[in-house]
Amino acid sequence: MPTILYKDDHNISPDDVMKVAVYASHAGRRCYDVFAEDGSRSRSDVLSRRVQAVSNSLDYGNEPYFHPETTKKVLDLHTMVSGMCFDRFDERGHMGKSMDLLKMAQDVDDVLDKLVIYHLLPEEFEEAEADWAHEGQFFPKDETSGDDTDTRRGV
């Protein structure tokens, strides 16, 4: 499990706060994490509480600041929604994540990059590198350089 360090000096804009607010709102209105055999779905109390906690802790001022507690709440919600929460369903029981949700999740990742630093133990780093090497084989390659074209990596 990586160690998460919260940055004291970060450059958060009101637009960053809105990205997190829109994500939380979407998760609270459109995402579900409890599924029954009959095909019905609902939101767990945990998901609802995490959405509410994030919404209540956001600073909408001209020079917003994310306290470490707020950042932790955003991380907790983001982890939950990235896991077994879905906002897209079809009549055959398929569940998925909409492109809107995936875009919002990427926006929140970008905001979190301004707020936290992840430290991995050497063995965790090796495992992450191995996972990335495996996953990287599925990304399209740049024909000129041979590098993958995934912009999320940024390393």
N, C-alpha and C. Protein backbone atom coordinates (compact mmCIF):
# COMPACT_ATOMS: atom_id res chain seq x y z
N MET A 1 0.85 -1.17 0.00
CA MET A 1 0.00 0.00 0.00
C MET A 1 0.89 1.24 0.00
N PRO A 2 0.72 2.12 -0.96
CA PRO A 2 1.60 3.29 -1.00
C PRO A 2 1.35 4.22 0.19
N THR A 3 2.40 4.92 0.56
CA THR A 3 2.28 5.97 1.56
C THR A 3 1.86 7.23 0.84
N ILE A 4 0.85 7.91 1.37
CA ILE A 4 0.35 9.12 0.73
C ILE A 4 0.78 10.31 1.58
N LEU A 5 1.48 11.24 0.96
CA LEU A 5 1.88 12.47 1.61
C LEU A 5 1.04 13.61 1.04
N TYR A 6 0.49 14.42 1.92
CA TYR A 6 -0.33 15.54 1.50
C TYR A 6 0.54 16.78 1.36
N LYS A 7 0.44 17.43 0.21
CA LYS A 7 1.23 18.63 -0.03
C LYS A 7 0.63 19.81 0.72
N ASP A 8 1.50 20.60 1.33
CA ASP A 8 1.04 21.81 2.00
C ASP A 8 0.89 22.95 1.01
N ASP A 9 1.77 23.00 0.05
CA ASP A 9 1.78 24.09 -0.92
C ASP A 9 1.27 23.55 -2.25
N HIS A 10 0.04 23.81 -2.55
CA HIS A 10 -0.51 23.37 -3.83
C HIS A 10 -1.23 24.51 -4.51
N ASN A 11 -1.35 24.40 -5.79
CA ASN A 11 -1.94 25.45 -6.59
C ASN A 11 -3.29 24.98 -7.12
N ILE A 12 -4.32 25.14 -6.31
CA ILE A 12 -5.66 24.72 -6.66
C ILE A 12 -6.46 25.93 -7.14
N SER A 13 -7.14 25.75 -8.23
CA SER A 13 -7.97 26.83 -8.78
C SER A 13 -9.44 26.56 -8.49
N PRO A 14 -10.27 27.58 -8.61
CA PRO A 14 -11.72 27.34 -8.48
C PRO A 14 -12.22 26.31 -9.50
N ASP A 15 -11.59 26.26 -10.67
CA ASP A 15 -11.95 25.27 -11.68
C ASP A 15 -11.67 23.85 -11.18
N ASP A 16 -10.56 23.67 -10.45
CA ASP A 16 -10.24 22.36 -9.88
C ASP A 16 -11.31 21.94 -8.86
N VAL A 17 -11.76 22.89 -8.05
CA VAL A 17 -12.80 22.60 -7.07
C VAL A 17 -14.08 22.18 -7.79
N MET A 18 -14.41 22.87 -8.88
CA MET A 18 -15.61 22.52 -9.64
C MET A 18 -15.50 21.12 -10.25
N LYS A 19 -14.31 20.73 -10.70
CA LYS A 19 -14.13 19.38 -11.24
C LYS A 19 -14.47 18.33 -10.19
N VAL A 20 -13.99 18.55 -8.97
CA VAL A 20 -14.27 17.61 -7.89
C VAL A 20 -15.76 17.65 -7.53
N ALA A 21 -16.35 18.84 -7.51
CA ALA A 21 -17.77 18.98 -7.17
C ALA A 21 -18.65 18.28 -8.20
N VAL A 22 -18.34 18.44 -9.47
CA VAL A 22 -19.12 17.80 -10.54
C VAL A 22 -19.00 16.29 -10.44
N TYR A 23 -17.79 15.81 -10.17
CA TYR A 23 -17.55 14.37 -10.01
C TYR A 23 -18.38 13.82 -8.84
N ALA A 24 -18.34 14.49 -7.71
CA ALA A 24 -19.09 14.05 -6.53
C ALA A 24 -20.59 14.07 -6.83
N SER A 25 -21.05 15.12 -7.49
CA SER A 25 -22.46 15.22 -7.82
C SER A 25 -22.89 14.08 -8.74
N HIS A 26 -22.08 13.80 -9.74
CA HIS A 26 -22.39 12.71 -10.67
C HIS A 26 -22.43 11.38 -9.92
N ALA A 27 -21.45 11.15 -9.07
CA ALA A 27 -21.41 9.90 -8.30
C ALA A 27 -22.64 9.78 -7.41
N GLY A 28 -23.08 10.88 -6.85
CA GLY A 28 -24.25 10.86 -5.96
C GLY A 28 -25.57 10.71 -6.69
N ARG A 29 -25.62 11.09 -7.95
CA ARG A 29 -26.88 11.01 -8.70
C ARG A 29 -26.94 9.81 -9.64
N ARG A 30 -25.81 9.42 -10.22
CA ARG A 30 -25.84 8.46 -11.32
C ARG A 30 -25.12 7.14 -11.05
N CYS A 31 -24.29 7.08 -10.01
CA CYS A 31 -23.50 5.88 -9.76
C CYS A 31 -24.16 4.98 -8.72
N TYR A 32 -24.03 3.68 -8.95
CA TYR A 32 -24.60 2.69 -8.05
C TYR A 32 -23.52 1.67 -7.71
N ASP A 33 -23.61 1.14 -6.49
CA ASP A 33 -22.61 0.16 -6.06
C ASP A 33 -23.20 -1.06 -5.37
N VAL A 34 -24.52 -1.15 -5.31
CA VAL A 34 -25.19 -2.31 -4.73
C VAL A 34 -26.13 -2.87 -5.80
N PHE A 35 -25.96 -4.17 -6.09
CA PHE A 35 -26.71 -4.79 -7.18
C PHE A 35 -27.36 -6.07 -6.67
N ALA A 36 -28.65 -6.22 -6.97
CA ALA A 36 -29.41 -7.39 -6.54
C ALA A 36 -29.55 -8.38 -7.69
N GLU A 37 -29.88 -9.61 -7.33
CA GLU A 37 -30.07 -10.67 -8.32
C GLU A 37 -31.15 -10.32 -9.34
N ASP A 38 -32.17 -9.56 -8.90
CA ASP A 38 -33.29 -9.22 -9.79
C ASP A 38 -32.96 -8.08 -10.76
N GLY A 39 -31.72 -7.58 -10.70
CA GLY A 39 -31.31 -6.51 -11.60
C GLY A 39 -31.47 -5.11 -11.03
N SER A 40 -32.04 -5.01 -9.84
CA SER A 40 -32.18 -3.69 -9.24
C SER A 40 -30.83 -3.22 -8.71
N ARG A 41 -30.71 -1.93 -8.56
CA ARG A 41 -29.45 -1.35 -8.08
C ARG A 41 -29.76 -0.20 -7.12
N SER A 42 -28.80 0.07 -6.26
CA SER A 42 -28.94 1.17 -5.30
C SER A 42 -27.56 1.66 -4.88
N ARG A 43 -27.56 2.74 -4.14
CA ARG A 43 -26.33 3.29 -3.59
C ARG A 43 -26.20 2.83 -2.15
N SER A 44 -24.99 2.43 -1.80
CA SER A 44 -24.76 2.05 -0.41
C SER A 44 -24.70 3.31 0.45
N ASP A 45 -24.91 3.12 1.74
CA ASP A 45 -24.78 4.25 2.67
C ASP A 45 -23.36 4.81 2.64
N VAL A 46 -22.37 3.92 2.44
CA VAL A 46 -20.97 4.37 2.41
C VAL A 46 -20.75 5.31 1.23
N LEU A 47 -21.24 4.93 0.05
CA LEU A 47 -21.09 5.80 -1.12
C LEU A 47 -21.80 7.13 -0.89
N SER A 48 -23.01 7.08 -0.40
CA SER A 48 -23.77 8.32 -0.15
C SER A 48 -23.05 9.22 0.86
N ARG A 49 -22.50 8.62 1.92
CA ARG A 49 -21.78 9.41 2.93
C ARG A 49 -20.51 10.02 2.35
N ARG A 50 -19.80 9.27 1.51
CA ARG A 50 -18.57 9.80 0.92
C ARG A 50 -18.86 10.95 -0.03
N VAL A 51 -19.91 10.82 -0.82
CA VAL A 51 -20.31 11.91 -1.71
C VAL A 51 -20.63 13.15 -0.88
N GLN A 52 -21.44 12.97 0.16
CA GLN A 52 -21.84 14.10 1.00
C GLN A 52 -20.64 14.72 1.71
N ALA A 53 -19.72 13.90 2.18
CA ALA A 53 -18.53 14.41 2.88
C ALA A 53 -17.68 15.27 1.95
N VAL A 54 -17.50 14.83 0.71
CA VAL A 54 -16.73 15.62 -0.25
C VAL A 54 -17.45 16.92 -0.54
N SER A 55 -18.74 16.84 -0.84
CA SER A 55 -19.51 18.04 -1.17
C SER A 55 -19.48 19.06 -0.05
N ASN A 56 -19.60 18.59 1.19
CA ASN A 56 -19.62 19.51 2.34
C ASN A 56 -18.27 20.14 2.65
N SER A 57 -17.18 19.53 2.19
CA SER A 57 -15.86 20.02 2.59
C SER A 57 -15.16 20.87 1.53
N LEU A 58 -15.78 21.07 0.38
CA LEU A 58 -15.12 21.84 -0.68
C LEU A 58 -15.13 23.33 -0.39
N ASP A 59 -14.02 23.98 -0.72
CA ASP A 59 -13.85 25.42 -0.55
C ASP A 59 -14.07 26.08 -1.91
N TYR A 60 -15.15 26.84 -2.04
CA TYR A 60 -15.49 27.47 -3.31
C TYR A 60 -15.00 28.92 -3.41
N GLY A 61 -14.07 29.32 -2.57
CA GLY A 61 -13.57 30.68 -2.58
C GLY A 61 -12.71 30.98 -3.79
N ASN A 62 -12.28 32.23 -3.90
CA ASN A 62 -11.43 32.65 -5.02
C ASN A 62 -10.06 32.02 -4.97
N GLU A 63 -9.56 31.74 -3.76
CA GLU A 63 -8.27 31.07 -3.59
C GLU A 63 -8.50 29.83 -2.73
N PRO A 64 -9.08 28.80 -3.32
CA PRO A 64 -9.46 27.61 -2.54
C PRO A 64 -8.25 26.86 -2.00
N TYR A 65 -8.49 26.16 -0.92
CA TYR A 65 -7.46 25.35 -0.29
C TYR A 65 -8.08 24.00 0.08
N PHE A 66 -7.36 22.93 -0.20
CA PHE A 66 -7.80 21.60 0.19
C PHE A 66 -7.03 21.21 1.44
N HIS A 67 -7.72 21.09 2.56
CA HIS A 67 -7.10 20.59 3.77
C HIS A 67 -6.82 19.10 3.58
N PRO A 68 -5.84 18.56 4.28
CA PRO A 68 -5.57 17.12 4.16
C PRO A 68 -6.81 16.25 4.39
N GLU A 69 -7.69 16.66 5.30
CA GLU A 69 -8.91 15.88 5.54
C GLU A 69 -9.81 15.88 4.30
N THR A 70 -9.89 17.02 3.63
CA THR A 70 -10.69 17.11 2.40
C THR A 70 -10.08 16.25 1.31
N THR A 71 -8.76 16.31 1.19
CA THR A 71 -8.07 15.51 0.18
C THR A 71 -8.31 14.03 0.44
N LYS A 72 -8.26 13.61 1.70
CA LYS A 72 -8.53 12.21 2.05
C LYS A 72 -9.94 11.82 1.66
N LYS A 73 -10.90 12.70 1.87
CA LYS A 73 -12.28 12.41 1.49
C LYS A 73 -12.41 12.25 -0.03
N VAL A 74 -11.72 13.11 -0.77
CA VAL A 74 -11.74 13.01 -2.24
C VAL A 74 -11.10 11.69 -2.68
N LEU A 75 -9.96 11.35 -2.07
CA LEU A 75 -9.29 10.08 -2.39
C LEU A 75 -10.20 8.88 -2.10
N ASP A 76 -10.87 8.90 -0.95
CA ASP A 76 -11.75 7.80 -0.58
C ASP A 76 -12.90 7.65 -1.58
N LEU A 77 -13.51 8.76 -1.95
CA LEU A 77 -14.60 8.71 -2.93
C LEU A 77 -14.09 8.23 -4.28
N HIS A 78 -12.96 8.77 -4.69
CA HIS A 78 -12.39 8.41 -5.99
C HIS A 78 -12.05 6.91 -6.05
N THR A 79 -11.50 6.39 -4.97
CA THR A 79 -11.17 4.97 -4.91
C THR A 79 -12.43 4.13 -5.01
N MET A 80 -13.46 4.52 -4.31
CA MET A 80 -14.70 3.76 -4.32
C MET A 80 -15.36 3.80 -5.70
N VAL A 81 -15.47 4.98 -6.28
CA VAL A 81 -16.13 5.11 -7.58
C VAL A 81 -15.31 4.42 -8.67
N SER A 82 -14.00 4.44 -8.55
CA SER A 82 -13.15 3.77 -9.54
C SER A 82 -13.29 2.25 -9.47
N GLY A 83 -13.72 1.76 -8.33
CA GLY A 83 -13.88 0.32 -8.15
C GLY A 83 -15.21 -0.17 -8.66
N MET A 84 -16.06 -0.59 -7.77
CA MET A 84 -17.32 -1.26 -8.13
C MET A 84 -18.52 -0.33 -8.21
N CYS A 85 -18.33 0.89 -8.66
CA CYS A 85 -19.44 1.81 -8.88
C CYS A 85 -19.61 1.99 -10.38
N PHE A 86 -20.86 1.95 -10.82
CA PHE A 86 -21.14 2.03 -12.24
C PHE A 86 -22.26 3.03 -12.50
N ASP A 87 -22.23 3.65 -13.67
CA ASP A 87 -23.26 4.62 -14.02
C ASP A 87 -23.89 4.33 -15.38
N ARG A 88 -23.56 3.21 -15.95
CA ARG A 88 -24.10 2.86 -17.27
C ARG A 88 -24.60 1.42 -17.22
N PHE A 89 -25.84 1.23 -17.66
CA PHE A 89 -26.47 -0.07 -17.57
C PHE A 89 -27.27 -0.34 -18.84
N ASP A 90 -27.31 -1.60 -19.25
CA ASP A 90 -28.20 -1.93 -20.37
C ASP A 90 -29.18 -3.00 -19.92
N GLU A 91 -30.13 -3.29 -20.77
CA GLU A 91 -31.22 -4.19 -20.38
C GLU A 91 -30.77 -5.64 -20.19
N ARG A 92 -29.60 -6.01 -20.67
CA ARG A 92 -29.12 -7.38 -20.49
C ARG A 92 -28.27 -7.54 -19.23
N GLY A 93 -28.25 -6.53 -18.38
CA GLY A 93 -27.54 -6.64 -17.13
C GLY A 93 -26.09 -6.16 -17.17
N HIS A 94 -25.65 -5.66 -18.34
CA HIS A 94 -24.28 -5.15 -18.43
C HIS A 94 -24.14 -3.86 -17.64
N MET A 95 -23.06 -3.75 -16.88
CA MET A 95 -22.76 -2.54 -16.12
C MET A 95 -21.44 -1.98 -16.63
N GLY A 96 -21.34 -0.67 -16.67
CA GLY A 96 -20.10 -0.06 -17.11
C GLY A 96 -19.99 1.36 -16.61
N LYS A 97 -18.91 1.98 -17.00
CA LYS A 97 -18.67 3.38 -16.66
C LYS A 97 -18.80 4.19 -17.95
N SER A 98 -19.56 5.27 -17.87
CA SER A 98 -19.75 6.12 -19.04
C SER A 98 -18.46 6.89 -19.34
N MET A 99 -18.36 7.36 -20.57
CA MET A 99 -17.20 8.18 -20.95
C MET A 99 -17.17 9.45 -20.11
N ASP A 100 -18.35 9.99 -19.78
CA ASP A 100 -18.40 11.18 -18.92
C ASP A 100 -17.76 10.90 -17.57
N LEU A 101 -18.12 9.77 -16.96
CA LEU A 101 -17.55 9.42 -15.66
C LEU A 101 -16.04 9.21 -15.76
N LEU A 102 -15.60 8.54 -16.81
CA LEU A 102 -14.16 8.31 -16.98
C LEU A 102 -13.41 9.62 -17.16
N LYS A 103 -13.99 10.57 -17.89
CA LYS A 103 -13.36 11.89 -18.08
C LYS A 103 -13.30 12.64 -16.76
N MET A 104 -14.41 12.59 -16.01
CA MET A 104 -14.42 13.25 -14.70
C MET A 104 -13.40 12.63 -13.76
N ALA A 105 -13.26 11.31 -13.81
CA ALA A 105 -12.28 10.62 -12.96
C ALA A 105 -10.86 11.07 -13.32
N GLN A 106 -10.59 11.25 -14.61
CA GLN A 106 -9.28 11.74 -15.04
C GLN A 106 -9.05 13.16 -14.55
N ASP A 107 -10.08 13.99 -14.60
CA ASP A 107 -9.98 15.36 -14.09
C ASP A 107 -9.65 15.35 -12.60
N VAL A 108 -10.30 14.47 -11.84
CA VAL A 108 -10.03 14.37 -10.40
C VAL A 108 -8.62 13.84 -10.17
N ASP A 109 -8.17 12.90 -11.00
CA ASP A 109 -6.77 12.44 -10.90
C ASP A 109 -5.81 13.61 -11.07
N ASP A 110 -6.10 14.48 -12.03
CA ASP A 110 -5.23 15.64 -12.27
C ASP A 110 -5.22 16.58 -11.07
N VAL A 111 -6.36 16.77 -10.43
CA VAL A 111 -6.43 17.60 -9.22
C VAL A 111 -5.66 16.93 -8.09
N LEU A 112 -5.84 15.62 -7.93
CA LEU A 112 -5.14 14.91 -6.86
C LEU A 112 -3.62 14.95 -7.06
N ASP A 113 -3.17 15.00 -8.31
CA ASP A 113 -1.73 15.12 -8.56
C ASP A 113 -1.16 16.40 -7.95
N LYS A 114 -1.99 17.42 -7.82
CA LYS A 114 -1.56 18.67 -7.20
C LYS A 114 -1.57 18.60 -5.68
N LEU A 115 -2.26 17.61 -5.14
CA LEU A 115 -2.51 17.55 -3.70
C LEU A 115 -1.72 16.50 -2.95
N VAL A 116 -1.32 15.43 -3.63
CA VAL A 116 -0.67 14.33 -2.92
C VAL A 116 0.56 13.83 -3.67
N ILE A 117 1.41 13.19 -2.91
CA ILE A 117 2.58 12.49 -3.45
C ILE A 117 2.47 11.05 -2.95
N TYR A 118 2.63 10.11 -3.86
CA TYR A 118 2.58 8.70 -3.50
C TYR A 118 4.01 8.18 -3.39
N HIS A 119 4.32 7.55 -2.26
CA HIS A 119 5.62 6.91 -2.08
C HIS A 119 5.40 5.41 -2.02
N LEU A 120 6.13 4.70 -2.87
CA LEU A 120 6.03 3.25 -2.91
C LEU A 120 7.30 2.64 -2.33
N LEU A 121 7.13 1.54 -1.63
CA LEU A 121 8.27 0.76 -1.19
C LEU A 121 8.92 0.16 -2.44
N PRO A 122 10.20 -0.19 -2.39
CA PRO A 122 10.86 -0.73 -3.59
C PRO A 122 10.10 -1.92 -4.21
N GLU A 123 9.59 -2.83 -3.37
CA GLU A 123 8.87 -3.97 -3.94
C GLU A 123 7.53 -3.55 -4.55
N GLU A 124 6.89 -2.52 -3.97
CA GLU A 124 5.65 -2.00 -4.55
C GLU A 124 5.94 -1.33 -5.89
N PHE A 125 7.07 -0.63 -5.94
CA PHE A 125 7.46 0.03 -7.19
C PHE A 125 7.70 -1.01 -8.29
N GLU A 126 8.40 -2.08 -7.95
CA GLU A 126 8.66 -3.14 -8.93
C GLU A 126 7.36 -3.77 -9.41
N GLU A 127 6.44 -3.99 -8.48
CA GLU A 127 5.15 -4.56 -8.86
C GLU A 127 4.36 -3.60 -9.76
N ALA A 128 4.40 -2.31 -9.44
CA ALA A 128 3.71 -1.32 -10.26
C ALA A 128 4.32 -1.25 -11.65
N GLU A 129 5.64 -1.31 -11.73
CA GLU A 129 6.32 -1.29 -13.03
C GLU A 129 5.94 -2.51 -13.86
N ALA A 130 5.87 -3.68 -13.21
CA ALA A 130 5.50 -4.91 -13.92
C ALA A 130 4.06 -4.81 -14.41
N ASP A 131 3.18 -4.28 -13.57
CA ASP A 131 1.79 -4.09 -14.00
C ASP A 131 1.71 -3.15 -15.18
N TRP A 132 2.47 -2.05 -15.11
CA TRP A 132 2.44 -1.08 -16.20
C TRP A 132 2.98 -1.69 -17.49
N ALA A 133 4.03 -2.48 -17.38
CA ALA A 133 4.60 -3.12 -18.58
C ALA A 133 3.56 -4.06 -19.20
N HIS A 134 2.84 -4.78 -18.36
CA HIS A 134 1.80 -5.67 -18.87
C HIS A 134 0.66 -4.87 -19.51
N GLU A 135 0.16 -3.86 -18.80
CA GLU A 135 -0.94 -3.04 -19.32
C GLU A 135 -0.51 -2.25 -20.55
N GLY A 136 0.75 -1.82 -20.58
CA GLY A 136 1.25 -1.01 -21.68
C GLY A 136 1.21 -1.69 -23.02
N GLN A 137 1.21 -3.00 -23.02
CA GLN A 137 1.17 -3.72 -24.29
C GLN A 137 -0.16 -3.52 -25.02
N PHE A 138 -1.18 -3.04 -24.30
CA PHE A 138 -2.50 -2.86 -24.90
C PHE A 138 -2.73 -1.45 -25.43
N PHE A 139 -1.77 -0.53 -25.21
CA PHE A 139 -1.91 0.83 -25.71
C PHE A 139 -1.34 0.93 -27.11
N PRO A 140 -1.94 1.78 -27.96
CA PRO A 140 -1.39 1.95 -29.31
C PRO A 140 0.01 2.56 -29.25
N LYS A 141 0.84 2.16 -30.17
CA LYS A 141 2.23 2.65 -30.22
C LYS A 141 2.35 3.78 -31.25
N ASP A 142 3.20 4.73 -30.94
CA ASP A 142 3.54 5.79 -31.89
C ASP A 142 4.39 5.17 -32.99
N GLU A 143 3.99 5.36 -34.24
CA GLU A 143 4.68 4.71 -35.35
C GLU A 143 6.11 5.21 -35.54
N THR A 144 6.38 6.44 -35.15
CA THR A 144 7.72 7.01 -35.34
C THR A 144 8.68 6.57 -34.25
N SER A 145 8.28 6.77 -32.99
CA SER A 145 9.20 6.49 -31.88
C SER A 145 9.02 5.10 -31.28
N GLY A 146 7.87 4.48 -31.48
CA GLY A 146 7.60 3.19 -30.85
C GLY A 146 7.11 3.32 -29.42
N ASP A 147 7.02 4.57 -28.90
CA ASP A 147 6.52 4.79 -27.54
C ASP A 147 5.01 4.61 -27.52
N ASP A 148 4.49 4.22 -26.32
CA ASP A 148 3.04 4.13 -26.25
C ASP A 148 2.47 5.54 -26.27
N THR A 149 1.23 5.64 -26.71
CA THR A 149 0.60 6.95 -26.86
C THR A 149 -0.33 7.29 -25.71
N ASP A 150 -0.27 6.53 -24.63
CA ASP A 150 -1.13 6.79 -23.47
C ASP A 150 -0.65 8.05 -22.77
N THR A 151 -1.50 9.07 -22.73
CA THR A 151 -1.13 10.35 -22.13
C THR A 151 -1.22 10.35 -20.61
N ARG A 152 -1.87 9.32 -20.01
CA ARG A 152 -1.98 9.26 -18.55
C ARG A 152 -0.65 9.01 -17.88
N ARG A 153 0.24 8.35 -18.57
CA ARG A 153 1.49 7.95 -17.92
C ARG A 153 2.33 9.16 -17.53
N GLY A 154 2.56 10.08 -18.47
CA GLY A 154 3.22 11.34 -18.18
C GLY A 154 4.58 11.23 -17.52
N VAL A 155 5.24 10.10 -17.62
CA VAL A 155 6.54 9.94 -16.95
C VAL A 155 7.64 9.94 -17.98
